[in-house]
Amino acid sequence: MTFGEHITTLRKRKSLSQADLGKLVGTSGDIIGKYERDEVKPSIEVASKIADALEVSLDYLVGKTSVEIGSRTLNRLQDIQKLNEHDKATVLEILDAFLRDRKAKKAYTI
């Protein structure tokens, strides 16, 4: 998916018009339309504002990753990164156990 296609898909998912998104990032709806049609590329600052407005990572928006990480999830990951090593290891152990259990439950229900 192109940069413009990502913007279009995410914008529509949030029920925003091009003008609405433009207001959120400090530009016009016409410029958002050009981004969506891949006619022009925004500056990194504007792309970052678009990612924030659409609540996704900049990496996802520009196609560097196919994993859509919402801003809430990203904020949680950043909070985990700020923990001391012991607390971080504890959180990751709990997460690993939860994911392992969910995978096992799914395997047995098939």
Protein backbone atom coordinates (compact mmCIF):
# COMPACT_ATOMS: atom_id res chain seq x y z
CA MET A 1 0.00 0.00 0.00
CA THR A 2 1.32 3.46 -0.85
CA PHE A 3 1.64 6.37 1.55
CA GLY A 4 -1.43 7.97 0.00
CA GLU A 5 -3.47 4.78 0.20
CA HIS A 6 -2.62 4.47 3.89
CA ILE A 7 -3.82 8.02 4.53
CA THR A 8 -7.04 7.46 2.61
CA THR A 9 -7.85 4.19 4.35
CA LEU A 10 -7.09 5.47 7.83
CA ARG A 11 -8.86 8.79 7.28
CA LYS A 12 -12.02 7.06 6.09
CA ARG A 13 -11.86 4.61 8.99
CA LYS A 14 -11.95 7.60 11.35
CA SER A 15 -14.81 9.16 9.33
CA LEU A 16 -12.77 12.28 8.58
CA SER A 17 -13.05 14.35 5.43
CA GLN A 18 -9.91 15.56 3.71
CA ALA A 19 -10.70 19.03 5.05
CA ASP A 20 -11.07 17.65 8.59
CA LEU A 21 -7.70 15.94 8.43
CA GLY A 22 -6.18 19.06 6.90
CA LYS A 23 -7.37 21.15 9.85
CA LEU A 24 -5.94 18.64 12.31
CA VAL A 25 -2.49 18.84 10.74
CA GLY A 26 -2.48 22.51 9.78
CA THR A 27 -2.96 22.27 6.04
CA SER A 28 -5.84 22.23 3.55
CA GLY A 29 -8.06 19.42 2.38
CA ASP A 30 -6.76 20.00 -1.15
CA ILE A 31 -3.21 19.22 -0.01
CA ILE A 32 -4.43 16.11 1.82
CA GLY A 33 -6.03 15.03 -1.47
CA LYS A 34 -2.69 15.44 -3.25
CA TYR A 35 -1.00 13.33 -0.57
CA GLU A 36 -3.69 10.66 -0.94
CA ARG A 37 -3.24 10.58 -4.72
CA ASP A 38 0.55 10.36 -4.19
CA GLU A 39 1.00 13.51 -6.27
CA VAL A 40 3.21 15.12 -3.62
CA LYS A 41 4.91 13.97 -0.45
CA PRO A 42 4.67 15.91 2.81
CA SER A 43 7.63 17.01 4.90
CA ILE A 44 8.58 14.69 7.73
CA GLU A 45 6.96 17.14 10.17
CA VAL A 46 3.64 17.07 8.32
CA ALA A 47 3.79 13.28 7.89
CA SER A 48 4.34 12.98 11.64
CA LYS A 49 1.32 15.21 12.32
CA ILE A 50 -0.79 13.08 9.95
CA ALA A 51 0.31 9.90 11.75
CA ASP A 52 -0.58 11.49 15.10
CA ALA A 53 -3.98 12.64 13.82
CA LEU A 54 -4.71 9.17 12.44
CA GLU A 55 -3.37 7.54 15.62
CA VAL A 56 -0.80 5.28 13.96
CA SER A 57 2.96 5.11 13.93
CA LEU A 58 4.86 7.04 11.30
CA ASP A 59 6.52 3.76 10.26
CA TYR A 60 3.12 2.26 9.46
CA LEU A 61 1.94 5.36 7.62
CA VAL A 62 4.97 5.42 5.31
CA GLY A 63 4.89 1.66 4.74
CA LYS A 64 8.05 0.79 6.67
CA THR A 65 6.07 -1.79 8.64
CA SER A 66 2.84 -3.61 7.95
CA VAL A 67 2.01 -3.76 11.65
CA GLU A 68 -0.49 -1.08 12.53
CA ILE A 69 0.41 0.15 15.98
CA GLY A 70 -2.08 2.60 17.38
CA SER A 71 -0.90 5.56 19.41
CA ARG A 72 -2.30 4.09 22.64
CA THR A 73 -0.33 0.88 22.13
CA LEU A 74 2.77 2.84 21.19
CA ASN A 75 2.44 4.97 24.33
CA ARG A 76 2.17 1.82 26.42
CA LEU A 77 5.28 0.36 24.82
CA GLN A 78 7.15 3.59 25.50
CA ASP A 79 6.04 3.45 29.15
CA ILE A 80 7.33 -0.12 29.41
CA GLN A 81 10.66 0.97 27.93
CA LYS A 82 11.00 3.56 30.71
CA LEU A 83 10.73 0.92 33.46
CA ASN A 84 13.79 -0.41 35.26
CA GLU A 85 15.10 -3.71 33.90
CA HIS A 86 13.47 -5.86 36.60
CA ASP A 87 10.00 -4.32 36.14
CA LYS A 88 10.35 -4.44 32.36
CA ALA A 89 11.22 -8.15 32.52
CA THR A 90 8.19 -8.78 34.76
CA VAL A 91 5.81 -7.02 32.36
CA LEU A 92 7.22 -8.96 29.40
CA GLU A 93 6.95 -12.27 31.28
CA ILE A 94 3.29 -11.57 32.02
CA LEU A 95 2.67 -10.62 28.40
CA ASP A 96 4.47 -13.73 27.15
CA ALA A 97 2.41 -15.96 29.47
CA PHE A 98 -0.83 -14.34 28.34
CA LEU A 99 0.03 -14.72 24.65
CA ARG A 100 1.13 -18.33 25.15
CA ASP A 101 -2.16 -19.13 26.91
CA ARG A 102 -4.23 -17.43 24.20
CA LYS A 103 -2.40 -19.38 21.47
CA ALA A 104 -2.93 -22.66 23.33
CA LYS A 105 -6.61 -21.89 23.87
CA LYS A 106 -7.02 -21.07 20.19
CA ALA A 107 -5.24 -24.28 19.15
CA TYR A 108 -7.59 -26.38 21.28
CA THR A 109 -10.76 -24.71 20.02
CA ILE A 110 -10.07 -25.41 16.36
